[in-house]
């Protein structure tokens, strides 16, 4: 597709609203982007015009946003730009939305601590019974004290739901939905 992909840097302007749908979670928040320029005449930084975007996120990204982002936090948002025009009450209005593919904290303005989401196990009753030593060896990629060619990293990267730009509909530990 010929989507317009953008990366914007700004601040969270509203609380993240999270909702569950039949196809997975969806999150929405407003995002403020204000360019800053150095004015050589005055020797100080000045703010430009603030642009506001409505950011949407789906599935695992939506859940992780709801559990990680608060008003005022600096973020980077990467996604598909959608500009909409509509007429309301006789006035023409334009709005800009971003369907987020990736979102992260702006580390030029602070620090963050990453915590990987632990996904729910699939139906465990369908798996054969394993002894604990076999399960440990499987997780570490070791057999009889030797490391196998396939590591846990390789198995993890091959899962389609773990593709960095993909969205997974697998079960997650859900954050508390916003009422």
C-alpha atoms as a PDB file:
ATOM      1  CA  UNK A   1       0.000   0.000   0.000  1.00  0.00           C
ATOM      2  CA  UNK A   2       0.993   3.624  -0.392  1.00  0.00           C
ATOM      3  CA  UNK A   3       0.655   4.609   3.247  1.00  0.00           C
ATOM      4  CA  UNK A   4       2.289   7.775   4.523  1.00  0.00           C
ATOM      5  CA  UNK A   5       4.531   6.623   7.363  1.00  0.00           C
ATOM      6  CA  UNK A   6       5.544   9.258   9.919  1.00  0.00           C
ATOM      7  CA  UNK A   7       7.633   9.419  13.055  1.00  0.00           C
ATOM      8  CA  UNK A   8       6.679  12.213  15.430  1.00  0.00           C
ATOM      9  CA  UNK A   9       8.232  13.274  18.720  1.00  0.00           C
ATOM     10  CA  UNK A  10       6.083  14.966  21.336  1.00  0.00           C
ATOM     11  CA  UNK A  11       4.151  14.606  24.578  1.00  0.00           C
ATOM     12  CA  UNK A  12       1.099  12.620  25.640  1.00  0.00           C
ATOM     13  CA  UNK A  13      -1.744  15.155  25.949  1.00  0.00           C
ATOM     14  CA  UNK A  14      -4.570  12.947  27.311  1.00  0.00           C
ATOM     15  CA  UNK A  15      -4.976   9.738  29.267  1.00  0.00           C
ATOM     16  CA  UNK A  16      -4.720   6.572  27.189  1.00  0.00           C
ATOM     17  CA  UNK A  17      -8.224   5.170  26.665  1.00  0.00           C
ATOM     18  CA  UNK A  18      -8.204   1.371  26.340  1.00  0.00           C
ATOM     19  CA  UNK A  19     -11.126  -0.757  25.107  1.00  0.00           C
ATOM     20  CA  UNK A  20     -11.526  -4.460  24.341  1.00  0.00           C
ATOM     21  CA  UNK A  21     -13.129  -5.321  21.004  1.00  0.00           C
ATOM     22  CA  UNK A  22     -14.015  -8.615  19.334  1.00  0.00           C
ATOM     23  CA  UNK A  23     -10.671  -8.544  17.474  1.00  0.00           C
ATOM     24  CA  UNK A  24      -8.517  -7.430  20.415  1.00  0.00           C
ATOM     25  CA  UNK A  25      -7.724  -4.292  22.343  1.00  0.00           C
ATOM     26  CA  UNK A  26      -7.604  -0.758  20.994  1.00  0.00           C
ATOM     27  CA  UNK A  27      -6.038   2.279  22.657  1.00  0.00           C
ATOM     28  CA  UNK A  28      -6.397   5.947  21.830  1.00  0.00           C
ATOM     29  CA  UNK A  29      -4.747   9.118  23.086  1.00  0.00           C
ATOM     30  CA  UNK A  30      -4.013  12.665  21.950  1.00  0.00           C
ATOM     31  CA  UNK A  31      -0.420  13.570  21.183  1.00  0.00           C
ATOM     32  CA  UNK A  32       1.042  17.106  21.132  1.00  0.00           C
ATOM     33  CA  UNK A  33       4.003  17.903  18.882  1.00  0.00           C
ATOM     34  CA  UNK A  34       5.693  21.286  19.277  1.00  0.00           C
ATOM     35  CA  UNK A  35       8.792  22.139  17.241  1.00  0.00           C
ATOM     36  CA  UNK A  36      11.494  24.114  19.078  1.00  0.00           C
ATOM     37  CA  UNK A  37      13.903  26.409  17.303  1.00  0.00           C
ATOM     38  CA  UNK A  38      16.908  28.332  18.495  1.00  0.00           C
ATOM     39  CA  UNK A  39      16.507  32.077  17.932  1.00  0.00           C
ATOM     40  CA  UNK A  40      20.009  33.471  17.342  1.00  0.00           C
ATOM     41  CA  UNK A  41      18.904  37.067  17.857  1.00  0.00           C
ATOM     42  CA  UNK A  42      17.526  36.460  21.342  1.00  0.00           C
ATOM     43  CA  UNK A  43      19.883  33.587  22.154  1.00  0.00           C
ATOM     44  CA  UNK A  44      17.026  31.410  23.398  1.00  0.00           C
ATOM     45  CA  UNK A  45      14.791  28.571  22.290  1.00  0.00           C
ATOM     46  CA  UNK A  46      11.278  29.355  21.057  1.00  0.00           C
ATOM     47  CA  UNK A  47       8.301  27.073  20.605  1.00  0.00           C
ATOM     48  CA  UNK A  48       6.566  26.786  17.253  1.00  0.00           C
ATOM     49  CA  UNK A  49       2.909  25.954  16.604  1.00  0.00           C
ATOM     50  CA  UNK A  50       1.678  22.843  18.447  1.00  0.00           C
ATOM     51  CA  UNK A  51       0.086  20.163  16.266  1.00  0.00           C
ATOM     52  CA  UNK A  52      -2.228  17.588  17.834  1.00  0.00           C
ATOM     53  CA  UNK A  53      -2.675  14.031  16.596  1.00  0.00           C
ATOM     54  CA  UNK A  54      -5.039  11.299  17.716  1.00  0.00           C
ATOM     55  CA  UNK A  55      -2.972   8.134  18.046  1.00  0.00           C
ATOM     56  CA  UNK A  56      -4.589   4.702  17.739  1.00  0.00           C
ATOM     57  CA  UNK A  57      -2.898   1.429  18.668  1.00  0.00           C
ATOM     58  CA  UNK A  58      -4.180  -2.111  18.353  1.00  0.00           C
ATOM     59  CA  UNK A  59      -3.812  -5.467  20.128  1.00  0.00           C
ATOM     60  CA  UNK A  60      -0.572  -5.941  22.097  1.00  0.00           C
ATOM     61  CA  UNK A  61       0.656  -2.397  21.416  1.00  0.00           C
ATOM     62  CA  UNK A  62      -2.653  -1.057  22.772  1.00  0.00           C
ATOM     63  CA  UNK A  63      -2.346  -3.093  25.962  1.00  0.00           C
ATOM     64  CA  UNK A  64       1.263  -2.132  26.507  1.00  0.00           C
ATOM     65  CA  UNK A  65       0.477   1.557  25.930  1.00  0.00           C
ATOM     66  CA  UNK A  66      -2.334   1.484  28.471  1.00  0.00           C
ATOM     67  CA  UNK A  67       0.007   0.002  31.058  1.00  0.00           C
ATOM     68  CA  UNK A  68       3.028   2.190  30.282  1.00  0.00           C
ATOM     69  CA  UNK A  69       2.087   5.722  29.239  1.00  0.00           C
ATOM     70  CA  UNK A  70       0.833   8.706  31.250  1.00  0.00           C
ATOM     71  CA  UNK A  71      -0.120  12.294  30.430  1.00  0.00           C
ATOM     72  CA  UNK A  72       2.888  14.555  29.884  1.00  0.00           C
ATOM     73  CA  UNK A  73       5.379  11.811  29.050  1.00  0.00           C
ATOM     74  CA  UNK A  74       7.638  12.387  26.027  1.00  0.00           C
ATOM     75  CA  UNK A  75       7.218   9.748  23.309  1.00  0.00           C
ATOM     76  CA  UNK A  76       8.215   8.847  19.777  1.00  0.00           C
ATOM     77  CA  UNK A  77       5.306   7.544  17.696  1.00  0.00           C
ATOM     78  CA  UNK A  78       5.821   5.778  14.368  1.00  0.00           C
ATOM     79  CA  UNK A  79       2.839   4.868  12.216  1.00  0.00           C
ATOM     80  CA  UNK A  80       0.486   5.537   9.314  1.00  0.00           C
ATOM     81  CA  UNK A  81      -0.728   9.123   8.972  1.00  0.00           C
ATOM     82  CA  UNK A  82      -4.394   9.616   8.114  1.00  0.00           C
ATOM     83  CA  UNK A  83      -5.718  13.119   7.484  1.00  0.00           C
ATOM     84  CA  UNK A  84      -9.495  13.369   7.613  1.00  0.00           C
ATOM     85  CA  UNK A  85     -11.754  16.179   6.479  1.00  0.00           C
ATOM     86  CA  UNK A  86     -15.363  16.467   7.530  1.00  0.00           C
ATOM     87  CA  UNK A  87     -18.089  19.021   7.721  1.00  0.00           C
ATOM     88  CA  UNK A  88     -19.690  19.548  11.106  1.00  0.00           C
ATOM     89  CA  UNK A  89     -22.210  22.261  11.968  1.00  0.00           C
ATOM     90  CA  UNK A  90     -21.557  23.924   8.624  1.00  0.00           C
ATOM     91  CA  UNK A  91     -17.815  24.152   9.243  1.00  0.00           C
ATOM     92  CA  UNK A  92     -15.112  22.187   7.482  1.00  0.00           C
ATOM     93  CA  UNK A  93     -12.759  20.463   9.937  1.00  0.00           C
ATOM     94  CA  UNK A  94      -9.487  18.639   9.401  1.00  0.00           C
ATOM     95  CA  UNK A  95      -8.055  16.095  11.817  1.00  0.00           C
ATOM     96  CA  UNK A  96      -4.853  14.074  11.780  1.00  0.00           C
ATOM     97  CA  UNK A  97      -4.672  10.520  13.108  1.00  0.00           C
ATOM     98  CA  UNK A  98      -1.784   8.093  13.405  1.00  0.00           C
ATOM     99  CA  UNK A  99      -2.286   4.322  13.398  1.00  0.00           C
ATOM    100  CA  UNK A 100       0.748   3.476  15.523  1.00  0.00           C
ATOM    101  CA  UNK A 101       3.107   0.679  14.558  1.00  0.00           C
ATOM    102  CA  UNK A 102       5.659   1.433  17.295  1.00  0.00           C
ATOM    103  CA  UNK A 103       5.722   3.740  20.308  1.00  0.00           C
ATOM    104  CA  UNK A 104       8.559   4.413  22.733  1.00  0.00           C
ATOM    105  CA  UNK A 105       9.634   6.841  25.404  1.00  0.00           C
ATOM    106  CA  UNK A 106      11.950   9.650  24.276  1.00  0.00           C
ATOM    107  CA  UNK A 107      15.178   8.776  26.078  1.00  0.00           C
ATOM    108  CA  UNK A 108      16.715  12.182  25.345  1.00  0.00           C
ATOM    109  CA  UNK A 109      14.381  13.500  28.059  1.00  0.00           C
ATOM    110  CA  UNK A 110      14.556  10.767  30.695  1.00  0.00           C
ATOM    111  CA  UNK A 111      15.150   7.105  31.441  1.00  0.00           C
ATOM    112  CA  UNK A 112      12.913   4.069  31.135  1.00  0.00           C
ATOM    113  CA  UNK A 113      12.999   0.448  32.285  1.00  0.00           C
ATOM    114  CA  UNK A 114      11.780  -2.144  29.775  1.00  0.00           C
ATOM    115  CA  UNK A 115       9.713  -5.100  31.020  1.00  0.00           C
ATOM    116  CA  UNK A 116       8.884  -7.865  28.554  1.00  0.00           C
ATOM    117  CA  UNK A 117       5.217  -8.922  28.580  1.00  0.00           C
ATOM    118  CA  UNK A 118       4.723 -12.539  29.592  1.00  0.00           C
ATOM    119  CA  UNK A 119       2.067 -14.038  27.368  1.00  0.00           C
ATOM    120  CA  UNK A 120      -0.417 -16.620  28.615  1.00  0.00           C
ATOM    121  CA  UNK A 121       0.548 -20.219  27.890  1.00  0.00           C
ATOM    122  CA  UNK A 122      -1.542 -22.043  25.273  1.00  0.00           C
ATOM    123  CA  UNK A 123      -3.739 -24.923  26.393  1.00  0.00           C
ATOM    124  CA  UNK A 124      -1.334 -26.825  28.661  1.00  0.00           C
ATOM    125  CA  UNK A 125      -3.467 -29.981  28.816  1.00  0.00           C
ATOM    126  CA  UNK A 126      -2.703 -30.664  25.135  1.00  0.00           C
ATOM    127  CA  UNK A 127       1.070 -30.811  25.776  1.00  0.00           C
ATOM    128  CA  UNK A 128       2.840 -34.077  26.628  1.00  0.00           C
ATOM    129  CA  UNK A 129       4.069 -34.415  30.195  1.00  0.00           C
ATOM    130  CA  UNK A 130       7.712 -33.353  30.542  1.00  0.00           C
ATOM    131  CA  UNK A 131      10.162 -33.813  33.357  1.00  0.00           C
ATOM    132  CA  UNK A 132      11.491 -30.510  34.779  1.00  0.00           C
ATOM    133  CA  UNK A 133      15.055 -31.226  33.555  1.00  0.00           C
ATOM    134  CA  UNK A 134      13.807 -31.669  29.976  1.00  0.00           C
ATOM    135  CA  UNK A 135      11.853 -28.423  30.143  1.00  0.00           C
ATOM    136  CA  UNK A 136      14.889 -26.522  31.465  1.00  0.00           C
ATOM    137  CA  UNK A 137      17.089 -27.970  28.717  1.00  0.00           C
ATOM    138  CA  UNK A 138      14.495 -26.998  26.100  1.00  0.00           C
ATOM    139  CA  UNK A 139      14.335 -23.409  27.366  1.00  0.00           C
ATOM    140  CA  UNK A 140      18.106 -22.945  27.485  1.00  0.00           C
ATOM    141  CA  UNK A 141      18.800 -24.800  24.238  1.00  0.00           C
ATOM    142  CA  UNK A 142      21.012 -27.358  25.989  1.00  0.00           C
ATOM    143  CA  UNK A 143      21.027 -31.130  25.572  1.00  0.00           C
ATOM    144  CA  UNK A 144      23.367 -33.266  27.651  1.00  0.00           C
ATOM    145  CA  UNK A 145      25.497 -30.270  28.640  1.00  0.00           C
ATOM    146  CA  UNK A 146      26.017 -29.089  25.029  1.00  0.00           C
ATOM    147  CA  UNK A 147      24.462 -26.054  23.440  1.00  0.00           C
ATOM    148  CA  UNK A 148      22.311 -26.856  20.398  1.00  0.00           C
ATOM    149  CA  UNK A 149      22.292 -24.819  17.192  1.00  0.00           C
ATOM    150  CA  UNK A 150      18.745 -23.616  17.907  1.00  0.00           C
ATOM    151  CA  UNK A 151      18.653 -21.249  20.855  1.00  0.00           C
ATOM    152  CA  UNK A 152      15.651 -19.865  22.703  1.00  0.00           C
ATOM    153  CA  UNK A 153      16.246 -16.611  20.800  1.00  0.00           C
ATOM    154  CA  UNK A 154      15.838 -18.419  17.437  1.00  0.00           C
ATOM    155  CA  UNK A 155      12.556 -20.039  18.498  1.00  0.00           C
ATOM    156  CA  UNK A 156      11.273 -16.706  19.832  1.00  0.00           C
ATOM    157  CA  UNK A 157      12.125 -14.794  16.636  1.00  0.00           C
ATOM    158  CA  UNK A 158      10.362 -17.335  14.405  1.00  0.00           C
ATOM    159  CA  UNK A 159       6.951 -16.780  15.981  1.00  0.00           C
ATOM    160  CA  UNK A 160       4.845 -14.702  13.585  1.00  0.00           C
ATOM    161  CA  UNK A 161       3.169 -12.960  16.519  1.00  0.00           C
ATOM    162  CA  UNK A 162       6.559 -11.601  17.605  1.00  0.00           C
ATOM    163  CA  UNK A 163       7.326  -9.753  14.364  1.00  0.00           C
ATOM    164  CA  UNK A 164       8.339  -6.218  15.385  1.00  0.00           C
ATOM    165  CA  UNK A 165       5.719  -4.547  13.203  1.00  0.00           C
ATOM    166  CA  UNK A 166       3.045  -7.202  13.522  1.00  0.00           C
ATOM    167  CA  UNK A 167       0.186  -7.139  15.940  1.00  0.00           C
ATOM    168  CA  UNK A 168      -0.678 -10.179  17.968  1.00  0.00           C
ATOM    169  CA  UNK A 169      -4.161 -11.197  19.000  1.00  0.00           C
ATOM    170  CA  UNK A 170      -2.739 -13.664  21.536  1.00  0.00           C
ATOM    171  CA  UNK A 171      -3.814 -13.363  25.145  1.00  0.00           C
ATOM    172  CA  UNK A 172      -1.841 -10.990  27.367  1.00  0.00           C
ATOM    173  CA  UNK A 173      -2.065  -9.915  30.938  1.00  0.00           C
ATOM    174  CA  UNK A 174      -4.523  -7.097  30.386  1.00  0.00           C
ATOM    175  CA  UNK A 175      -4.166  -3.695  32.039  1.00  0.00           C
ATOM    176  CA  UNK A 176      -7.121  -2.281  33.871  1.00  0.00           C
ATOM    177  CA  UNK A 177      -9.471  -0.827  31.215  1.00  0.00           C
ATOM    178  CA  UNK A 178     -10.365   2.857  31.460  1.00  0.00           C
ATOM    179  CA  UNK A 179     -14.009   3.320  32.413  1.00  0.00           C
END
